[in-house]
């Protein structure tokens, strides 16, 4: 597995977003010769502070159209996670919102957003 932080993912000829974090399939050259494509992505994570609407209305549909298998949008203000899985015909078949205390799991990786983004004091 490779971790890709704020680097481009080539979705198509005109879209090359730079997600906050991406877990990629392992590759010998660590993507030094060619930027990752959707087929290389295992999990894509966006952190939304003031950009939640943009991520949900613009970015998530782009990722679905490119068949990125799983996207998490971490909402800083509420510490909720918008989860999108199983792209089908330009949208995601499995969508949901997880509360900060809920365990989020991807493969062997497990985290709660309450631990990653502590409440403001």
Protein backbone atom coordinates (compact mmCIF):
# COMPACT_ATOMS: atom_id res chain seq x y z
CA UNK A 1 0.00 0.00 0.00
CA UNK A 2 1.18 3.54 -0.75
CA UNK A 3 0.01 6.76 0.91
CA UNK A 4 -0.43 9.75 -1.42
CA UNK A 5 -0.89 13.14 0.29
CA UNK A 6 -2.19 16.17 -1.63
CA UNK A 7 -0.85 14.91 -4.94
CA UNK A 8 -2.75 14.62 -8.23
CA UNK A 9 -4.94 11.73 -9.26
CA UNK A 10 -5.64 11.63 -13.01
CA UNK A 11 -9.38 11.01 -13.37
CA UNK A 12 -9.64 11.81 -17.08
CA UNK A 13 -8.21 14.20 -19.70
CA UNK A 14 -9.56 17.31 -17.95
CA UNK A 15 -9.77 16.42 -14.23
CA UNK A 16 -6.73 15.99 -12.02
CA UNK A 17 -7.75 16.82 -8.43
CA UNK A 18 -5.35 16.73 -5.50
CA UNK A 19 -7.20 14.92 -2.69
CA UNK A 20 -6.00 15.33 0.87
CA UNK A 21 -5.08 11.66 1.28
CA UNK A 22 -5.20 8.60 -0.94
CA UNK A 23 -4.37 4.98 -0.19
CA UNK A 24 -3.00 3.46 -3.41
CA UNK A 25 -2.23 0.00 -4.68
CA UNK A 26 1.46 -0.73 -4.18
CA UNK A 27 3.65 -0.10 -7.21
CA UNK A 28 7.40 -0.61 -7.58
CA UNK A 29 8.15 2.93 -8.77
CA UNK A 30 5.91 4.52 -6.07
CA UNK A 31 4.14 6.43 -8.87
CA UNK A 32 7.27 8.39 -9.83
CA UNK A 33 6.84 7.74 -13.58
CA UNK A 34 3.10 8.29 -13.84
CA UNK A 35 0.47 9.82 -11.55
CA UNK A 36 -2.10 7.40 -10.17
CA UNK A 37 -5.32 6.66 -12.03
CA UNK A 38 -8.67 5.63 -10.49
CA UNK A 39 -7.81 1.92 -10.84
CA UNK A 40 -4.81 2.52 -8.54
CA UNK A 41 -6.95 4.06 -5.76
CA UNK A 42 -8.07 1.95 -2.83
CA UNK A 43 -9.43 4.76 -0.60
CA UNK A 44 -9.61 8.50 -1.22
CA UNK A 45 -10.08 10.98 1.66
CA UNK A 46 -11.02 14.65 1.45
CA UNK A 47 -11.05 16.96 4.48
CA UNK A 48 -13.77 19.60 4.24
CA UNK A 49 -13.59 22.70 6.39
CA UNK A 50 -15.23 25.45 4.31
CA UNK A 51 -15.39 23.27 1.19
CA UNK A 52 -18.02 20.66 2.14
CA UNK A 53 -20.54 21.74 -0.50
CA UNK A 54 -17.86 21.71 -3.22
CA UNK A 55 -16.68 18.23 -2.22
CA UNK A 56 -20.18 16.76 -2.08
CA UNK A 57 -21.59 18.42 -5.22
CA UNK A 58 -18.50 18.53 -7.49
CA UNK A 59 -15.73 16.21 -6.35
CA UNK A 60 -17.71 13.15 -5.22
CA UNK A 61 -19.61 12.89 -8.55
CA UNK A 62 -16.26 13.20 -10.41
CA UNK A 63 -14.84 10.37 -8.33
CA UNK A 64 -17.96 8.25 -8.93
CA UNK A 65 -17.82 8.84 -12.70
CA UNK A 66 -14.15 7.78 -12.67
CA UNK A 67 -15.11 4.71 -10.57
CA UNK A 68 -12.97 5.51 -7.53
CA UNK A 69 -14.07 2.62 -5.27
CA UNK A 70 -14.35 4.41 -1.94
CA UNK A 71 -14.37 8.07 -0.88
CA UNK A 72 -14.56 9.58 2.59
CA UNK A 73 -15.28 13.28 3.10
CA UNK A 74 -14.34 14.29 6.63
CA UNK A 75 -16.45 17.23 7.77
CA UNK A 76 -14.34 19.30 10.19
CA UNK A 77 -17.18 21.36 11.72
CA UNK A 78 -19.32 18.39 12.80
CA UNK A 79 -16.56 15.73 12.74
CA UNK A 80 -18.87 13.51 10.69
CA UNK A 81 -17.68 11.37 7.81
CA UNK A 82 -19.59 11.15 4.53
CA UNK A 83 -18.83 7.71 3.08
CA UNK A 84 -19.27 6.74 -0.57
CA UNK A 85 -18.72 3.18 -1.84
CA UNK A 86 -19.46 1.05 -4.89
CA UNK A 87 -19.57 3.40 -7.89
CA UNK A 88 -22.36 2.54 -10.32
CA UNK A 89 -23.35 4.54 -13.41
CA UNK A 90 -21.77 7.81 -12.28
CA UNK A 91 -22.91 7.76 -8.66
CA UNK A 92 -22.30 5.71 -5.53
CA UNK A 93 -24.59 2.81 -4.63
CA UNK A 94 -23.62 2.88 -0.96
CA UNK A 95 -23.63 6.28 0.78
CA UNK A 96 -23.84 7.18 4.43
CA UNK A 97 -22.80 9.55 7.20
CA UNK A 98 -20.90 8.33 10.23
CA UNK A 99 -20.91 10.17 13.54
CA UNK A 100 -17.54 11.06 15.11
CA UNK A 101 -17.65 8.18 17.62
CA UNK A 102 -18.42 5.52 15.00
CA UNK A 103 -15.59 3.23 14.01
CA UNK A 104 -14.67 3.69 10.33
CA UNK A 105 -13.09 0.65 8.74
CA UNK A 106 -11.27 0.07 5.49
CA UNK A 107 -9.62 -3.32 5.24
CA UNK A 108 -7.40 -3.69 8.30
CA UNK A 109 -7.42 0.08 8.89
CA UNK A 110 -9.83 1.35 11.54
CA UNK A 111 -10.27 4.83 13.02
CA UNK A 112 -12.79 7.06 14.75
CA UNK A 113 -12.98 10.68 13.69
CA UNK A 114 -13.42 11.73 17.33
CA UNK A 115 -9.81 10.56 17.87
CA UNK A 116 -8.45 12.19 14.72
CA UNK A 117 -10.26 15.52 15.08
CA UNK A 118 -10.76 16.24 18.78
CA UNK A 119 -13.57 18.62 19.69
CA UNK A 120 -12.56 22.26 20.03
CA UNK A 121 -12.15 23.32 23.64
